PDB file of all heavy atoms in Angstrom:
ATOM      1  N   VAL A   1      92.066 -59.274 166.475  1.00  0.00           N
ATOM      2  CA  VAL A   1      93.022 -60.037 165.671  1.00  0.00           C
ATOM      3  C   VAL A   1      94.177 -59.135 165.266  1.00  0.00           C
ATOM      4  O   VAL A   1      93.963 -57.987 164.879  1.00  0.00           O
ATOM      5  CB  VAL A   1      92.336 -60.598 164.403  1.00  0.00           C
ATOM      6  CG1 VAL A   1      93.331 -61.321 163.512  1.00  0.00           C
ATOM      7  CG2 VAL A   1      91.187 -61.517 164.778  1.00  0.00           C
ATOM      8  N   THR A   2      95.387 -59.662 165.352  1.00  0.00           N
ATOM      9  CA  THR A   2      96.578 -58.979 164.876  1.00  0.00           C
ATOM     10  C   THR A   2      97.281 -59.894 163.886  1.00  0.00           C
ATOM     11  O   THR A   2      97.451 -61.080 164.162  1.00  0.00           O
ATOM     12  CB  THR A   2      97.537 -58.668 166.051  1.00  0.00           C
ATOM     13  OG1 THR A   2      96.852 -57.864 166.994  1.00  0.00           O
ATOM     14  CG2 THR A   2      98.784 -57.950 165.571  1.00  0.00           C
ATOM     15  N   VAL A   3      97.686 -59.364 162.749  1.00  0.00           N
ATOM     16  CA  VAL A   3      98.408 -60.146 161.751  1.00  0.00           C
ATOM     17  C   VAL A   3      99.875 -59.767 161.845  1.00  0.00           C
ATOM     18  O   VAL A   3     100.228 -58.590 161.764  1.00  0.00           O
ATOM     19  CB  VAL A   3      97.860 -59.868 160.333  1.00  0.00           C
ATOM     20  CG1 VAL A   3      98.676 -60.626 159.284  1.00  0.00           C
ATOM     21  CG2 VAL A   3      96.388 -60.235 160.260  1.00  0.00           C
ATOM     22  N   VAL A   4     100.717 -60.781 162.040  1.00  0.00           N
ATOM     23  CA  VAL A   4     102.151 -60.560 162.198  1.00  0.00           C
ATOM     24  C   VAL A   4     102.893 -61.512 161.264  1.00  0.00           C
ATOM     25  O   VAL A   4     102.706 -62.724 161.364  1.00  0.00           O
ATOM     26  CB  VAL A   4     102.599 -60.839 163.661  1.00  0.00           C
ATOM     27  CG1 VAL A   4     104.089 -60.608 163.815  1.00  0.00           C
ATOM     28  CG2 VAL A   4     101.807 -60.012 164.638  1.00  0.00           C
ATOM     29  N   PRO A   5     103.718 -61.000 160.351  1.00  0.00           N
ATOM     30  CA  PRO A   5     104.520 -61.904 159.513  1.00  0.00           C
ATOM     31  C   PRO A   5     105.458 -62.743 160.378  1.00  0.00           C
ATOM     32  O   PRO A   5     105.957 -62.269 161.402  1.00  0.00           O
ATOM     33  CB  PRO A   5     105.325 -60.952 158.624  1.00  0.00           C
ATOM     34  CG  PRO A   5     104.663 -59.622 158.739  1.00  0.00           C
ATOM     35  CD  PRO A   5     103.971 -59.591 160.059  1.00  0.00           C
ATOM     36  N   ALA A   6     105.682 -63.993 159.986  1.00  0.00           N
ATOM     37  CA  ALA A   6     106.514 -64.907 160.776  1.00  0.00           C
ATOM     38  C   ALA A   6     107.931 -64.370 160.964  1.00  0.00           C
ATOM     39  O   ALA A   6     108.568 -64.637 161.976  1.00  0.00           O
ATOM     40  CB  ALA A   6     106.556 -66.278 160.111  1.00  0.00           C
ATOM     41  N   HIS A   7     108.441 -63.575 160.013  1.00  0.00           N
ATOM     42  CA  HIS A   7     109.811 -63.067 160.095  1.00  0.00           C
ATOM     43  C   HIS A   7     109.916 -61.770 160.910  1.00  0.00           C
ATOM     44  O   HIS A   7     111.014 -61.267 161.136  1.00  0.00           O
ATOM     45  CB  HIS A   7     110.378 -62.836 158.693  1.00  0.00           C
ATOM     46  CG  HIS A   7     109.691 -61.728 157.960  1.00  0.00           C
ATOM     47  ND1 HIS A   7     108.523 -61.938 157.272  1.00  0.00           N
ATOM     48  CD2 HIS A   7     109.975 -60.408 157.843  1.00  0.00           C
ATOM     49  CE1 HIS A   7     108.123 -60.783 156.741  1.00  0.00           C
ATOM     50  NE2 HIS A   7     108.982 -59.844 157.078  1.00  0.00           N
ATOM     51  N   ALA A   8     108.785 -61.238 161.346  1.00  0.00           N
ATOM     52  CA  ALA A   8     108.808 -59.978 162.105  1.00  0.00           C
ATOM     53  C   ALA A   8     109.514 -60.180 163.442  1.00  0.00           C
ATOM     54  O   ALA A   8     109.394 -61.225 164.070  1.00  0.00           O
ATOM     55  CB  ALA A   8     107.379 -59.483 162.342  1.00  0.00           C
ATOM     56  N   GLU A   9     110.241 -59.158 163.846  1.00  0.00           N
ATOM     57  CA  GLU A   9     110.892 -59.187 165.154  1.00  0.00           C
ATOM     58  C   GLU A   9     110.071 -58.343 166.121  1.00  0.00           C
ATOM     59  O   GLU A   9     109.682 -57.220 165.806  1.00  0.00           O
ATOM     60  CB  GLU A   9     112.323 -58.667 165.074  1.00  0.00           C
ATOM     61  CG  GLU A   9     113.251 -59.633 164.380  1.00  0.00           C
ATOM     62  CD  GLU A   9     114.702 -59.245 164.522  1.00  0.00           C
ATOM     63  OE1 GLU A   9     115.006 -58.037 164.473  1.00  0.00           O
ATOM     64  OE2 GLU A   9     115.531 -60.154 164.673  1.00  0.00           O
ATOM     65  N   LEU A  10     109.830 -58.901 167.286  1.00  0.00           N
ATOM     66  CA  LEU A  10     108.994 -58.257 168.285  1.00  0.00           C
ATOM     67  C   LEU A  10     109.821 -57.808 169.472  1.00  0.00           C
ATOM     68  O   LEU A  10     110.836 -58.436 169.809  1.00  0.00           O
ATOM     69  CB  LEU A  10     107.922 -59.235 168.779  1.00  0.00           C
ATOM     70  CG  LEU A  10     107.083 -59.919 167.708  1.00  0.00           C
ATOM     71  CD1 LEU A  10     106.244 -61.031 168.322  1.00  0.00           C
ATOM     72  CD2 LEU A  10     106.206 -58.907 167.014  1.00  0.00           C
ATOM     73  N   THR A  11     109.378 -56.763 170.108  1.00  0.00           N
ATOM     74  CA  THR A  11     109.991 -56.354 171.373  1.00  0.00           C
ATOM     75  C   THR A  11     109.432 -57.254 172.466  1.00  0.00           C
ATOM     76  O   THR A  11     108.436 -57.967 172.265  1.00  0.00           O
ATOM     77  CB  THR A  11     109.649 -54.888 171.705  1.00  0.00           C
ATOM     78  OG1 THR A  11     108.238 -54.792 171.932  1.00  0.00           O
ATOM     79  CG2 THR A  11     110.075 -53.949 170.591  1.00  0.00           C
ATOM     80  N   THR A  12     110.030 -57.204 173.643  1.00  0.00           N
ATOM     81  CA  THR A  12     109.517 -58.004 174.753  1.00  0.00           C
ATOM     82  C   THR A  12     108.115 -57.533 175.137  1.00  0.00           C
ATOM     83  O   THR A  12     107.278 -58.345 175.533  1.00  0.00           O
ATOM     84  CB  THR A  12     110.456 -57.943 175.963  1.00  0.00           C
ATOM     85  OG1 THR A  12     110.716 -56.571 176.293  1.00  0.00           O
ATOM     86  CG2 THR A  12     111.766 -58.661 175.684  1.00  0.00           C
ATOM     87  N   GLN A  13     107.838 -56.246 175.000  1.00  0.00           N
ATOM     88  CA  GLN A  13     106.500 -55.724 175.312  1.00  0.00           C
ATOM     89  C   GLN A  13     105.462 -56.262 174.330  1.00  0.00           C
ATOM     90  O   GLN A  13     104.374 -56.674 174.720  1.00  0.00           O
ATOM     91  CB  GLN A  13     106.500 -54.192 175.306  1.00  0.00           C
ATOM     92  CG  GLN A  13     105.160 -53.594 175.719  1.00  0.00           C
ATOM     93  CD  GLN A  13     104.739 -53.995 177.133  1.00  0.00           C
ATOM     94  OE1 GLN A  13     105.533 -53.931 178.058  1.00  0.00           O
ATOM     95  NE2 GLN A  13     103.507 -54.425 177.283  1.00  0.00           N
ATOM     96  N   GLN A  14     105.799 -56.273 173.048  1.00  0.00           N
ATOM     97  CA  GLN A  14     104.876 -56.803 172.041  1.00  0.00           C
ATOM     98  C   GLN A  14     104.630 -58.296 172.273  1.00  0.00           C
ATOM     99  O   GLN A  14     103.498 -58.774 172.151  1.00  0.00           O
ATOM    100  CB  GLN A  14     105.428 -56.566 170.640  1.00  0.00           C
ATOM    101  CG  GLN A  14     105.420 -55.114 170.222  1.00  0.00           C
ATOM    102  CD  GLN A  14     106.226 -54.874 168.949  1.00  0.00           C
ATOM    103  OE1 GLN A  14     107.265 -55.487 168.711  1.00  0.00           O
ATOM    104  NE2 GLN A  14     105.726 -53.962 168.116  1.00  0.00           N
ATOM    105  N   ALA A  15     105.699 -59.023 172.596  1.00  0.00           N
ATOM    106  CA  ALA A  15     105.562 -60.455 172.868  1.00  0.00           C
ATOM    107  C   ALA A  15     104.664 -60.685 174.083  1.00  0.00           C
ATOM    108  O   ALA A  15     103.819 -61.582 174.092  1.00  0.00           O
ATOM    109  CB  ALA A  15     106.940 -61.087 173.093  1.00  0.00           C
ATOM    110  N   ALA A  16     104.844 -59.872 175.110  1.00  0.00           N
ATOM    111  CA  ALA A  16     104.021 -59.995 176.319  1.00  0.00           C
ATOM    112  C   ALA A  16     102.554 -59.758 175.980  1.00  0.00           C
ATOM    113  O   ALA A  16     101.673 -60.487 176.469  1.00  0.00           O
ATOM    114  CB  ALA A  16     104.495 -59.002 177.378  1.00  0.00           C
ATOM    115  N   GLN A  17     102.279 -58.768 175.152  1.00  0.00           N
ATOM    116  CA  GLN A  17     100.898 -58.488 174.763  1.00  0.00           C
ATOM    117  C   GLN A  17     100.300 -59.643 173.969  1.00  0.00           C
ATOM    118  O   GLN A  17      99.148 -60.008 174.176  1.00  0.00           O
ATOM    119  CB  GLN A  17     100.819 -57.190 173.959  1.00  0.00           C
ATOM    120  CG  GLN A  17     101.072 -55.962 174.809  1.00  0.00           C
ATOM    121  CD  GLN A  17     101.240 -54.684 173.988  1.00  0.00           C
ATOM    122  OE1 GLN A  17     101.593 -54.726 172.817  1.00  0.00           O
ATOM    123  NE2 GLN A  17     100.987 -53.545 174.627  1.00  0.00           N
ATOM    124  N   MET A  18     101.093 -60.237 173.087  1.00  0.00           N
ATOM    125  CA  MET A  18     100.586 -61.360 172.294  1.00  0.00           C
ATOM    126  C   MET A  18     100.305 -62.577 173.158  1.00  0.00           C
ATOM    127  O   MET A  18      99.358 -63.320 172.911  1.00  0.00           O
ATOM    128  CB  MET A  18     101.573 -61.715 171.182  1.00  0.00           C
ATOM    129  CG  MET A  18     101.545 -60.717 170.044  1.00  0.00           C
ATOM    130  SD  MET A  18     102.629 -61.192 168.683  1.00  0.00           S
ATOM    131  CE  MET A  18     101.776 -62.631 168.040  1.00  0.00           C
ATOM    132  N   LEU A  19     101.137 -62.799 174.183  1.00  0.00           N
ATOM    133  CA  LEU A  19     100.942 -63.949 175.073  1.00  0.00           C
ATOM    134  C   LEU A  19      99.979 -63.645 176.217  1.00  0.00           C
ATOM    135  O   LEU A  19      99.615 -64.537 176.968  1.00  0.00           O
ATOM    136  CB  LEU A  19     102.291 -64.401 175.657  1.00  0.00           C
ATOM    137  CG  LEU A  19     103.301 -64.981 174.685  1.00  0.00           C
ATOM    138  CD1 LEU A  19     104.616 -65.281 175.409  1.00  0.00           C
ATOM    139  CD2 LEU A  19     102.753 -66.227 174.006  1.00  0.00           C
ATOM    140  N   ASN A  20      99.636 -62.367 176.356  1.00  0.00           N
ATOM    141  CA  ASN A  20      98.771 -61.919 177.451  1.00  0.00           C
ATOM    142  C   ASN A  20      99.401 -62.203 178.810  1.00  0.00           C
ATOM    143  O   ASN A  20      98.760 -62.721 179.726  1.00  0.00           O
ATOM    144  CB  ASN A  20      97.378 -62.549 177.337  1.00  0.00           C
ATOM    145  CG  ASN A  20      96.349 -61.787 178.133  1.00  0.00           C
ATOM    146  OD1 ASN A  20      96.495 -60.589 178.370  1.00  0.00           O
ATOM    147  ND2 ASN A  20      95.313 -62.467 178.566  1.00  0.00           N
ATOM    148  N   VAL A  21     100.692 -61.882 178.896  1.00  0.00           N
ATOM    149  CA  VAL A  21     101.440 -62.020 180.156  1.00  0.00           C
ATOM    150  C   VAL A  21     102.226 -60.724 180.376  1.00  0.00           C
ATOM    151  O   VAL A  21     102.242 -59.841 179.525  1.00  0.00           O
ATOM    152  CB  VAL A  21     102.407 -63.233 180.123  1.00  0.00           C
ATOM    153  CG1 VAL A  21     101.650 -64.542 179.948  1.00  0.00           C
ATOM    154  CG2 VAL A  21     103.448 -63.080 179.021  1.00  0.00           C
ATOM    155  N   SER A  22     102.905 -60.638 181.499  1.00  0.00           N
ATOM    156  CA  SER A  22     103.695 -59.439 181.784  1.00  0.00           C
ATOM    157  C   SER A  22     105.027 -59.485 181.028  1.00  0.00           C
ATOM    158  O   SER A  22     105.524 -60.554 180.670  1.00  0.00           O
ATOM    159  CB  SER A  22     103.963 -59.326 183.284  1.00  0.00           C
ATOM    160  OG  SER A  22     104.845 -60.350 183.693  1.00  0.00           O
ATOM    161  N   ARG A  23     105.604 -58.313 180.833  1.00  0.00           N
ATOM    162  CA  ARG A  23     106.908 -58.214 180.184  1.00  0.00           C
ATOM    163  C   ARG A  23     107.989 -58.931 181.006  1.00  0.00           C
ATOM    164  O   ARG A  23     108.806 -59.663 180.431  1.00  0.00           O
ATOM    165  CB  ARG A  23     107.245 -56.740 179.946  1.00  0.00           C
ATOM    166  CG  ARG A  23     108.511 -56.517 179.158  1.00  0.00           C
ATOM    167  CD  ARG A  23     108.738 -55.023 178.905  1.00  0.00           C
ATOM    168  NE  ARG A  23     110.130 -54.779 178.680  1.00  0.00           N
ATOM    169  CZ  ARG A  23     111.057 -54.656 179.641  1.00  0.00           C
ATOM    170  NH1 ARG A  23     110.715 -54.724 180.898  1.00  0.00           N
ATOM    171  NH2 ARG A  23     112.316 -54.449 179.328  1.00  0.00           N
ATOM    172  N   PRO A  24     108.012 -58.764 182.349  1.00  0.00           N
ATOM    173  CA  PRO A  24     109.008 -59.509 183.128  1.00  0.00           C
ATOM    174  C   PRO A  24     108.881 -61.031 182.960  1.00  0.00           C
ATOM    175  O   PRO A  24     109.885 -61.747 182.951  1.00  0.00           O
ATOM    176  CB  PRO A  24     108.726 -59.082 184.571  1.00  0.00           C
ATOM    177  CG  PRO A  24     108.119 -57.721 184.441  1.00  0.00           C
ATOM    178  CD  PRO A  24     107.297 -57.780 183.184  1.00  0.00           C
ATOM    179  N   HIS A  25     107.657 -61.522 182.787  1.00  0.00           N
ATOM    180  CA  HIS A  25     107.476 -62.961 182.580  1.00  0.00           C
ATOM    181  C   HIS A  25     108.093 -63.389 181.248  1.00  0.00           C
ATOM    182  O   HIS A  25     108.731 -64.440 181.160  1.00  0.00           O
ATOM    183  CB  HIS A  25     105.988 -63.330 182.633  1.00  0.00           C
ATOM    184  CG  HIS A  25     105.745 -64.797 182.489  1.00  0.00           C
ATOM    185  ND1 HIS A  25     106.080 -65.704 183.468  1.00  0.00           N
ATOM    186  CD2 HIS A  25     105.230 -65.523 181.461  1.00  0.00           C
ATOM    187  CE1 HIS A  25     105.769 -66.921 183.062  1.00  0.00           C
ATOM    188  NE2 HIS A  25     105.256 -66.840 181.844  1.00  0.00           N
ATOM    189  N   VAL A  26     107.918 -62.571 180.207  1.00  0.00           N
ATOM    190  CA  VAL A  26     108.521 -62.881 178.910  1.00  0.00           C
ATOM    191  C   VAL A  26     110.037 -62.903 179.043  1.00  0.00           C
ATOM    192  O   VAL A  26     110.694 -63.806 178.522  1.00  0.00           O
ATOM    193  CB  VAL A  26     108.078 -61.865 177.827  1.00  0.00           C
ATOM    194  CG1 VAL A  26     108.912 -62.006 176.558  1.00  0.00           C
ATOM    195  CG2 VAL A  26     106.602 -62.044 177.507  1.00  0.00           C
ATOM    196  N   ILE A  27     110.602 -61.938 179.746  1.00  0.00           N
ATOM    197  CA  ILE A  27     112.055 -61.889 179.934  1.00  0.00           C
ATOM    198  C   ILE A  27     112.537 -63.147 180.663  1.00  0.00           C
ATOM    199  O   ILE A  27     113.558 -63.734 180.310  1.00  0.00           O
ATOM    200  CB  ILE A  27     112.469 -60.600 180.663  1.00  0.00           C
ATOM    201  CG1 ILE A  27     112.213 -59.407 179.730  1.00  0.00           C
ATOM    202  CG2 ILE A  27     113.927 -60.654 181.111  1.00  0.00           C
ATOM    203  CD1 ILE A  27     112.344 -58.055 180.370  1.00  0.00           C
ATOM    204  N   LYS A  28     111.770 -63.594 181.640  1.00  0.00           N
ATOM    205  CA  LYS A  28     112.102 -64.834 182.369  1.00  0.00           C
ATOM    206  C   LYS A  28     112.101 -66.029 181.410  1.00  0.00           C
ATOM    207  O   LYS A  28     113.018 -66.861 181.441  1.00  0.00           O
ATOM    208  CB  LYS A  28     111.095 -65.048 183.499  1.00  0.00           C
ATOM    209  CG  LYS A  28     111.316 -66.302 184.285  1.00  0.00           C
ATOM    210  CD  LYS A  28     110.265 -66.430 185.389  1.00  0.00           C
ATOM    211  CE  LYS A  28     110.281 -67.825 185.948  1.00  0.00           C
ATOM    212  NZ  LYS A  28     108.952 -68.349 186.187  1.00  0.00           N
TER     213      LYS A  28
END
């Protein structure tokens, strides 16, 4: 489990990890 405040800004790498997808997919 990871707790992230709704106002936090994420990098594309962090977003990819949260979605369990690749960074290029997030960029797409």
